[in-house]
Amino acid sequence: MEKNPILLVGGGGHCASVIDVIESQGAYQIIGIVDKEEFKGQQLLGYNYIGEDKDLPDLISKFKNVVITLGMIKSNTLRVKLFNLTKSLGANFPVIKSPSAHVSRYSKISPGTVVMHHAIVNSHSKIGENCIINTKALIEHDCIIGNHCHMSTAATVNGSCTIGDNVMIGSNSVLLNGVKVISNTIIGAGGVVVKNVDVAGTLVGNPAKTL
């Protein structure tokens, strides 16, 4: 079966993880990686760095499929910028899903989102654009997750939660059933969110409190 070509935008550790998912998925042929000029001519897992941001118009005119492979830890400003830039250039954003992930056929995953190995998205949940559902993350039933979010490794979002845009739920964090988290919020690793988060900020601990 002929594979569809795809460009990776953003190198580094998360990019390497996404490469592994794309190879496992088997639907796309990676053309190369776009990153800073200093990486041009180098390789990551055997794939060439083939350009920088200024090369995107030409590359996207040839290869429409794009996935943003820059990670999100402290801020997703650059991820959002790259997504909006490539979208304005006419890029197409497929959903990248590991074969080992379980995504309910009754859920909805929006363009540009990556669902990593052993993640679970259960029925009637909706995931926005350009999200990372990282390794072993659990999104339970009837959740709504906004655009440009990162559900980090082994994060648990229990049923009927609502999460705004630009939210990071840290590794091993837990959101109790029905919790709402406002946009532009970070829940630190291991945080337990027991009530609605109505003011944007960084929350840590059990129960999670604003720093």
Protein backbone atom coordinates (compact mmCIF):
# COMPACT_ATOMS: atom_id res chain seq x y z
CA MET A 1 0.00 0.00 0.00
CA GLU A 2 1.33 3.41 -0.96
CA LYS A 3 1.94 5.66 2.03
CA ASN A 4 0.99 9.34 2.15
CA PRO A 5 3.92 11.75 2.58
CA ILE A 6 3.99 13.81 5.79
CA LEU A 7 6.17 16.63 7.13
CA LEU A 8 7.19 16.86 10.78
CA VAL A 9 7.47 20.40 12.16
CA GLY A 10 9.65 20.61 15.25
CA GLY A 11 12.46 18.28 16.28
CA GLY A 12 13.57 16.92 19.64
CA GLY A 13 12.40 14.26 22.06
CA HIS A 14 8.67 14.54 21.37
CA CYS A 15 9.37 14.39 17.65
CA ALA A 16 11.22 11.10 18.16
CA SER A 17 8.23 9.70 20.05
CA VAL A 18 5.83 10.78 17.29
CA ILE A 19 8.09 9.20 14.66
CA ASP A 20 7.70 5.90 16.48
CA VAL A 21 3.90 6.27 16.45
CA ILE A 22 3.84 7.19 12.74
CA GLU A 23 5.99 4.19 11.88
CA SER A 24 3.71 1.94 13.95
CA GLN A 25 0.60 3.40 12.31
CA GLY A 26 2.01 2.59 8.88
CA ALA A 27 -0.11 5.08 6.92
CA TYR A 28 2.45 7.84 6.28
CA GLN A 29 5.92 8.20 4.82
CA ILE A 30 7.95 10.80 6.71
CA ILE A 31 9.52 13.24 4.25
CA GLY A 32 11.67 15.00 6.82
CA ILE A 33 11.77 17.37 9.77
CA VAL A 34 11.55 21.17 9.78
CA ASP A 35 13.35 22.93 12.62
CA LYS A 36 16.00 25.59 13.26
CA GLU A 37 18.68 26.27 10.66
CA GLU A 38 21.36 24.82 12.94
CA PHE A 39 19.88 21.31 12.55
CA LYS A 40 19.79 21.31 8.75
CA GLY A 41 21.74 18.37 7.37
CA GLN A 42 21.44 16.36 10.59
CA GLN A 43 19.18 13.38 11.23
CA LEU A 44 16.77 12.13 13.88
CA LEU A 45 16.09 8.38 13.91
CA GLY A 46 17.28 8.25 10.31
CA TYR A 47 15.08 11.13 9.06
CA ASN A 48 16.70 14.28 7.70
CA TYR A 49 16.19 17.81 8.94
CA ILE A 50 15.25 19.29 5.58
CA GLY A 51 14.55 22.94 6.32
CA GLU A 52 13.51 25.71 8.67
CA ASP A 53 10.41 27.84 9.10
CA LYS A 54 11.15 30.00 6.05
CA ASP A 55 11.08 26.85 3.90
CA LEU A 56 7.56 25.87 4.97
CA PRO A 57 5.69 27.60 2.10
CA ASP A 58 7.67 25.68 -0.50
CA LEU A 59 7.56 22.38 1.41
CA ILE A 60 3.81 22.55 2.09
CA SER A 61 3.15 23.35 -1.57
CA LYS A 62 4.67 19.93 -2.30
CA PHE A 63 3.64 17.93 0.77
CA LYS A 64 0.30 18.91 2.29
CA ASN A 65 0.22 16.57 5.30
CA VAL A 66 1.80 18.09 8.41
CA VAL A 67 2.04 17.17 12.07
CA ILE A 68 3.42 19.54 14.71
CA THR A 69 6.06 17.49 16.53
CA LEU A 70 7.33 20.16 18.90
CA GLY A 71 6.57 19.14 22.47
CA MET A 72 4.77 21.10 25.18
CA ILE A 73 6.08 21.31 28.73
CA LYS A 74 6.06 24.83 30.16
CA SER A 75 4.42 26.62 27.24
CA ASN A 76 2.71 25.74 23.99
CA THR A 77 3.05 29.20 22.43
CA LEU A 78 5.39 27.98 19.71
CA ARG A 79 3.26 24.87 19.01
CA VAL A 80 0.23 27.08 18.47
CA LYS A 81 2.23 29.51 16.31
CA LEU A 82 3.53 26.69 14.10
CA PHE A 83 0.08 25.13 13.79
CA ASN A 84 -1.51 28.43 12.76
CA LEU A 85 1.34 29.20 10.35
CA THR A 86 1.18 25.85 8.59
CA LYS A 87 -2.63 26.00 8.54
CA SER A 88 -2.47 29.40 6.82
CA LEU A 89 -0.19 27.83 4.20
CA GLY A 90 -2.81 25.21 3.36
CA ALA A 91 -1.49 22.27 5.36
CA ASN A 92 -3.64 19.23 6.05
CA PHE A 93 -3.47 17.83 9.59
CA PRO A 94 -4.18 14.11 9.87
CA VAL A 95 -4.89 12.45 13.20
CA ILE A 96 -1.89 10.37 14.23
CA LYS A 97 -2.95 7.41 16.38
CA SER A 98 -0.87 4.58 17.74
CA PRO A 99 -2.19 1.09 16.98
CA SER A 100 -1.79 0.33 20.70
CA ALA A 101 -4.08 3.23 21.69
CA HIS A 102 -7.80 2.70 22.16
CA VAL A 103 -9.95 5.46 20.68
CA SER A 104 -13.67 4.78 20.90
CA ARG A 105 -15.52 4.95 17.61
CA TYR A 106 -18.02 7.09 19.49
CA SER A 107 -15.40 9.75 20.27
CA LYS A 108 -14.15 12.58 18.05
CA ILE A 109 -10.49 13.45 17.53
CA SER A 110 -9.85 16.74 15.70
CA PRO A 111 -7.15 17.39 13.06
CA GLY A 112 -3.52 17.54 14.10
CA THR A 113 -3.92 15.61 17.34
CA VAL A 114 -1.53 12.78 18.19
CA VAL A 115 -2.69 9.86 20.33
CA MET A 116 0.38 8.08 21.68
CA HIS A 117 1.03 4.47 22.64
CA HIS A 118 -1.44 2.88 25.10
CA ALA A 119 -3.53 6.03 25.50
CA ILE A 120 -7.31 5.61 25.91
CA VAL A 121 -10.08 7.92 24.70
CA ASN A 122 -13.48 6.61 25.70
CA SER A 123 -16.96 7.09 24.27
CA HIS A 124 -18.53 10.47 23.54
CA SER A 125 -15.34 12.39 24.32
CA LYS A 126 -14.23 15.20 22.01
CA ILE A 127 -10.58 16.21 21.58
CA GLY A 128 -9.65 19.52 19.93
CA GLU A 129 -7.04 20.37 17.31
CA ASN A 130 -3.27 20.04 17.72
CA CYS A 131 -3.45 18.15 21.02
CA ILE A 132 -1.05 15.62 22.50
CA ILE A 133 -2.70 12.65 24.19
CA ASN A 134 0.50 11.22 25.56
CA THR A 135 1.57 7.71 26.48
CA LYS A 136 -0.93 5.91 28.77
CA ALA A 137 -3.12 9.00 29.22
CA LEU A 138 -6.76 8.17 29.96
CA ILE A 139 -9.62 10.35 28.73
CA GLU A 140 -12.83 8.90 30.11
CA HIS A 141 -16.34 9.15 28.68
CA ASP A 142 -18.10 12.43 27.80
CA CYS A 143 -15.06 14.68 28.18
CA ILE A 144 -14.47 17.83 26.14
CA ILE A 145 -10.87 18.90 25.60
CA GLY A 146 -10.07 22.14 23.79
CA ASN A 147 -7.46 22.96 21.16
CA HIS A 148 -3.68 22.85 21.70
CA CYS A 149 -3.81 20.81 24.92
CA HIS A 150 -1.35 18.28 26.31
CA MET A 151 -2.58 15.36 28.37
CA SER A 152 0.77 14.17 29.61
CA THR A 153 1.99 10.66 30.37
CA ALA A 154 -0.44 8.62 32.49
CA ALA A 155 -2.69 11.61 33.15
CA THR A 156 -6.25 10.61 34.10
CA VAL A 157 -9.20 12.74 33.04
CA ASN A 158 -12.29 11.18 34.54
CA GLY A 159 -15.75 11.25 33.02
CA SER A 160 -17.60 14.41 31.95
CA CYS A 161 -14.65 16.78 32.46
CA THR A 162 -14.38 19.96 30.38
CA ILE A 163 -10.95 21.38 29.58
CA GLY A 164 -10.35 24.67 27.77
CA ASP A 165 -7.72 25.57 25.18
CA ASN A 166 -3.96 25.61 25.84
CA VAL A 167 -4.13 23.41 28.93
CA MET A 168 -1.45 21.01 30.12
CA ILE A 169 -2.38 18.19 32.48
CA GLY A 170 0.92 16.91 33.90
CA SER A 171 2.14 13.34 34.24
CA ASN A 172 0.13 11.17 36.65
CA SER A 173 -2.31 13.99 37.38
CA VAL A 174 -5.96 13.17 38.07
CA LEU A 175 -9.08 15.20 37.31
CA LEU A 176 -12.08 14.02 39.29
CA ASN A 177 -15.38 13.37 37.56
CA GLY A 178 -17.07 16.43 36.06
CA VAL A 179 -14.29 18.94 36.80
CA LYS A 180 -13.92 22.00 34.54
CA VAL A 181 -10.51 23.55 33.84
CA ILE A 182 -10.29 27.02 32.30
CA SER A 183 -8.04 27.75 29.29
CA ASN A 184 -4.33 28.55 29.70
CA THR A 185 -3.89 26.42 32.81
CA ILE A 186 -1.14 24.00 33.86
CA ILE A 187 -1.76 21.16 36.30
CA GLY A 188 1.62 20.05 37.62
CA ALA A 189 2.73 16.43 37.66
CA GLY A 190 0.81 14.35 40.19
CA GLY A 191 -1.77 17.06 40.83
CA VAL A 192 -5.27 16.01 41.87
CA VAL A 193 -7.99 18.41 40.72
CA VAL A 194 -11.05 18.00 42.94
CA LYS A 195 -13.01 21.11 41.94
CA ASN A 196 -13.42 23.48 39.00
CA VAL A 197 -10.45 25.65 38.03
CA ASP A 198 -11.95 29.05 37.18
CA VAL A 199 -8.78 31.18 37.13
CA ALA A 200 -5.90 30.42 34.78
CA GLY A 201 -2.57 29.59 36.39
CA THR A 202 -0.37 26.73 37.55
CA LEU A 203 -1.76 24.31 40.12
CA VAL A 204 0.11 21.59 42.00
CA GLY A 205 -0.47 19.11 44.80
CA ASN A 206 -3.28 17.00 46.23
CA PRO A 207 -5.69 18.67 46.22
CA ALA A 208 -4.29 20.90 43.47
CA LYS A 209 -3.79 24.52 44.50
CA THR A 210 -2.49 27.58 42.66
CA LEU A 211 1.21 28.30 43.05
